[in-house]
Amino acid sequence: LTILDRNPYQLIYDIKGIGFNKADQLARNIGIAYNDNERLKAALLYTLEEECIKQGHTYLPINVVIDLTVDVLNYQDEEVIE
């Protein structure tokens, strides 16, 4: 299997300009599960990076990280598992 088949989210780290949304669209098109661990990890790292770059944050409370990541994942409240 290629990297794309195993973990399309790896593209975020390997290719400049590929963000979470592009990688997520690709992943969904090839059948990666909505709750796949690699998707969750990529969304979390994307959230932290975006807050660091755009907002200048070097620290975020865990509840803020969770809320922002849930937004990135487009999860509904009942889908969130802490």
C-alpha atoms as a PDB file:
ATOM      1  CA  LEU A   1       0.000   0.000   0.000  1.00  0.00           C
ATOM      2  CA  THR A   2       1.104   3.529  -0.644  1.00  0.00           C
ATOM      3  CA  ILE A   3       1.315   6.213   2.004  1.00  0.00           C
ATOM      4  CA  LEU A   4      -1.875   7.669   0.557  1.00  0.00           C
ATOM      5  CA  ASP A   5      -3.743   4.432   1.137  1.00  0.00           C
ATOM      6  CA  ARG A   6      -2.416   3.930   4.657  1.00  0.00           C
ATOM      7  CA  ASN A   7      -2.504   7.499   5.933  1.00  0.00           C
ATOM      8  CA  PRO A   8      -3.450  10.360   3.612  1.00  0.00           C
ATOM      9  CA  TYR A   9      -2.992  12.733   6.546  1.00  0.00           C
ATOM     10  CA  GLN A  10       0.762  12.211   6.202  1.00  0.00           C
ATOM     11  CA  LEU A  11       0.534  14.556   3.211  1.00  0.00           C
ATOM     12  CA  ILE A  12       0.007  17.432   5.645  1.00  0.00           C
ATOM     13  CA  TYR A  13       3.523  16.934   6.967  1.00  0.00           C
ATOM     14  CA  ASP A  14       5.203  15.922   3.712  1.00  0.00           C
ATOM     15  CA  ILE A  15       3.853  18.451   1.200  1.00  0.00           C
ATOM     16  CA  LYS A  16       3.734  22.172   1.867  1.00  0.00           C
ATOM     17  CA  GLY A  17       0.322  23.614   1.110  1.00  0.00           C
ATOM     18  CA  ILE A  18      -1.634  20.457   1.923  1.00  0.00           C
ATOM     19  CA  GLY A  19      -3.677  21.260   4.983  1.00  0.00           C
ATOM     20  CA  PHE A  20      -6.050  19.231   7.091  1.00  0.00           C
ATOM     21  CA  ASN A  21      -9.099  19.968   4.937  1.00  0.00           C
ATOM     22  CA  LYS A  22      -7.484  18.788   1.700  1.00  0.00           C
ATOM     23  CA  ALA A  23      -6.055  15.664   3.307  1.00  0.00           C
ATOM     24  CA  ASP A  24      -9.373  14.981   5.034  1.00  0.00           C
ATOM     25  CA  GLN A  25     -11.296  15.244   1.767  1.00  0.00           C
ATOM     26  CA  LEU A  26      -8.903  12.784   0.158  1.00  0.00           C
ATOM     27  CA  ALA A  27      -9.172  10.444   3.137  1.00  0.00           C
ATOM     28  CA  ARG A  28     -12.959  10.512   3.062  1.00  0.00           C
ATOM     29  CA  ASN A  29     -12.918   9.796  -0.695  1.00  0.00           C
ATOM     30  CA  ILE A  30     -10.865   6.638  -0.178  1.00  0.00           C
ATOM     31  CA  GLY A  31     -12.971   5.448   2.740  1.00  0.00           C
ATOM     32  CA  ILE A  32     -10.986   6.442   5.817  1.00  0.00           C
ATOM     33  CA  ALA A  33     -13.340   6.259   8.800  1.00  0.00           C
ATOM     34  CA  TYR A  34     -14.725   9.422  10.353  1.00  0.00           C
ATOM     35  CA  ASN A  35     -13.252   8.405  13.725  1.00  0.00           C
ATOM     36  CA  ASP A  36      -9.922   7.041  12.450  1.00  0.00           C
ATOM     37  CA  ASN A  37      -7.067   7.667  14.902  1.00  0.00           C
ATOM     38  CA  GLU A  38      -4.897   9.244  12.213  1.00  0.00           C
ATOM     39  CA  ARG A  39      -7.707  11.690  11.398  1.00  0.00           C
ATOM     40  CA  LEU A  40      -8.084  12.630  15.041  1.00  0.00           C
ATOM     41  CA  LYS A  41      -4.330  13.067  15.466  1.00  0.00           C
ATOM     42  CA  ALA A  42      -4.051  15.182  12.310  1.00  0.00           C
ATOM     43  CA  ALA A  43      -6.944  17.410  13.411  1.00  0.00           C
ATOM     44  CA  LEU A  44      -5.403  17.898  16.832  1.00  0.00           C
ATOM     45  CA  LEU A  45      -1.996  18.816  15.410  1.00  0.00           C
ATOM     46  CA  TYR A  46      -3.627  21.089  12.822  1.00  0.00           C
ATOM     47  CA  THR A  47      -5.551  22.880  15.574  1.00  0.00           C
ATOM     48  CA  LEU A  48      -2.445  23.424  17.667  1.00  0.00           C
ATOM     49  CA  GLU A  49      -0.408  24.617  14.699  1.00  0.00           C
ATOM     50  CA  GLU A  50      -3.118  27.012  13.514  1.00  0.00           C
ATOM     51  CA  GLU A  51      -3.508  28.546  16.958  1.00  0.00           C
ATOM     52  CA  CYS A  52       0.250  28.925  17.272  1.00  0.00           C
ATOM     53  CA  ILE A  53       0.732  30.507  13.839  1.00  0.00           C
ATOM     54  CA  LYS A  54      -2.423  32.600  13.530  1.00  0.00           C
ATOM     55  CA  GLN A  55      -2.974  33.593  17.133  1.00  0.00           C
ATOM     56  CA  GLY A  56       0.546  33.375  18.552  1.00  0.00           C
ATOM     57  CA  HIS A  57      -0.476  30.972  21.297  1.00  0.00           C
ATOM     58  CA  THR A  58       2.209  28.893  22.956  1.00  0.00           C
ATOM     59  CA  TYR A  59      -0.195  27.369  25.473  1.00  0.00           C
ATOM     60  CA  LEU A  60      -3.867  26.457  25.318  1.00  0.00           C
ATOM     61  CA  PRO A  61      -6.048  24.929  28.019  1.00  0.00           C
ATOM     62  CA  ILE A  62      -7.104  21.373  27.144  1.00  0.00           C
ATOM     63  CA  ASN A  63     -10.796  22.289  26.999  1.00  0.00           C
ATOM     64  CA  VAL A  64     -10.019  24.956  24.368  1.00  0.00           C
ATOM     65  CA  VAL A  65      -7.942  22.482  22.344  1.00  0.00           C
ATOM     66  CA  ILE A  66     -10.776  19.949  22.478  1.00  0.00           C
ATOM     67  CA  ASP A  67     -13.406  22.508  21.454  1.00  0.00           C
ATOM     68  CA  LEU A  68     -11.333  23.815  18.543  1.00  0.00           C
ATOM     69  CA  THR A  69     -10.452  20.305  17.366  1.00  0.00           C
ATOM     70  CA  VAL A  70     -14.096  19.229  17.525  1.00  0.00           C
ATOM     71  CA  ASP A  71     -14.896  22.202  15.276  1.00  0.00           C
ATOM     72  CA  VAL A  72     -12.180  21.164  12.800  1.00  0.00           C
ATOM     73  CA  LEU A  73     -13.575  17.623  12.762  1.00  0.00           C
ATOM     74  CA  ASN A  74     -17.140  18.901  12.271  1.00  0.00           C
ATOM     75  CA  TYR A  75     -18.310  16.630  15.061  1.00  0.00           C
ATOM     76  CA  GLN A  76     -21.662  17.064  16.727  1.00  0.00           C
ATOM     77  CA  ASP A  77     -21.814  17.183  20.540  1.00  0.00           C
ATOM     78  CA  GLU A  78     -23.031  13.607  20.809  1.00  0.00           C
ATOM     79  CA  GLU A  79     -20.066  12.371  18.755  1.00  0.00           C
ATOM     80  CA  VAL A  80     -17.423  13.797  21.062  1.00  0.00           C
ATOM     81  CA  ILE A  81     -15.641  11.288  23.237  1.00  0.00           C
ATOM     82  CA  GLU A  82     -13.138  12.637  25.733  1.00  0.00           C
END
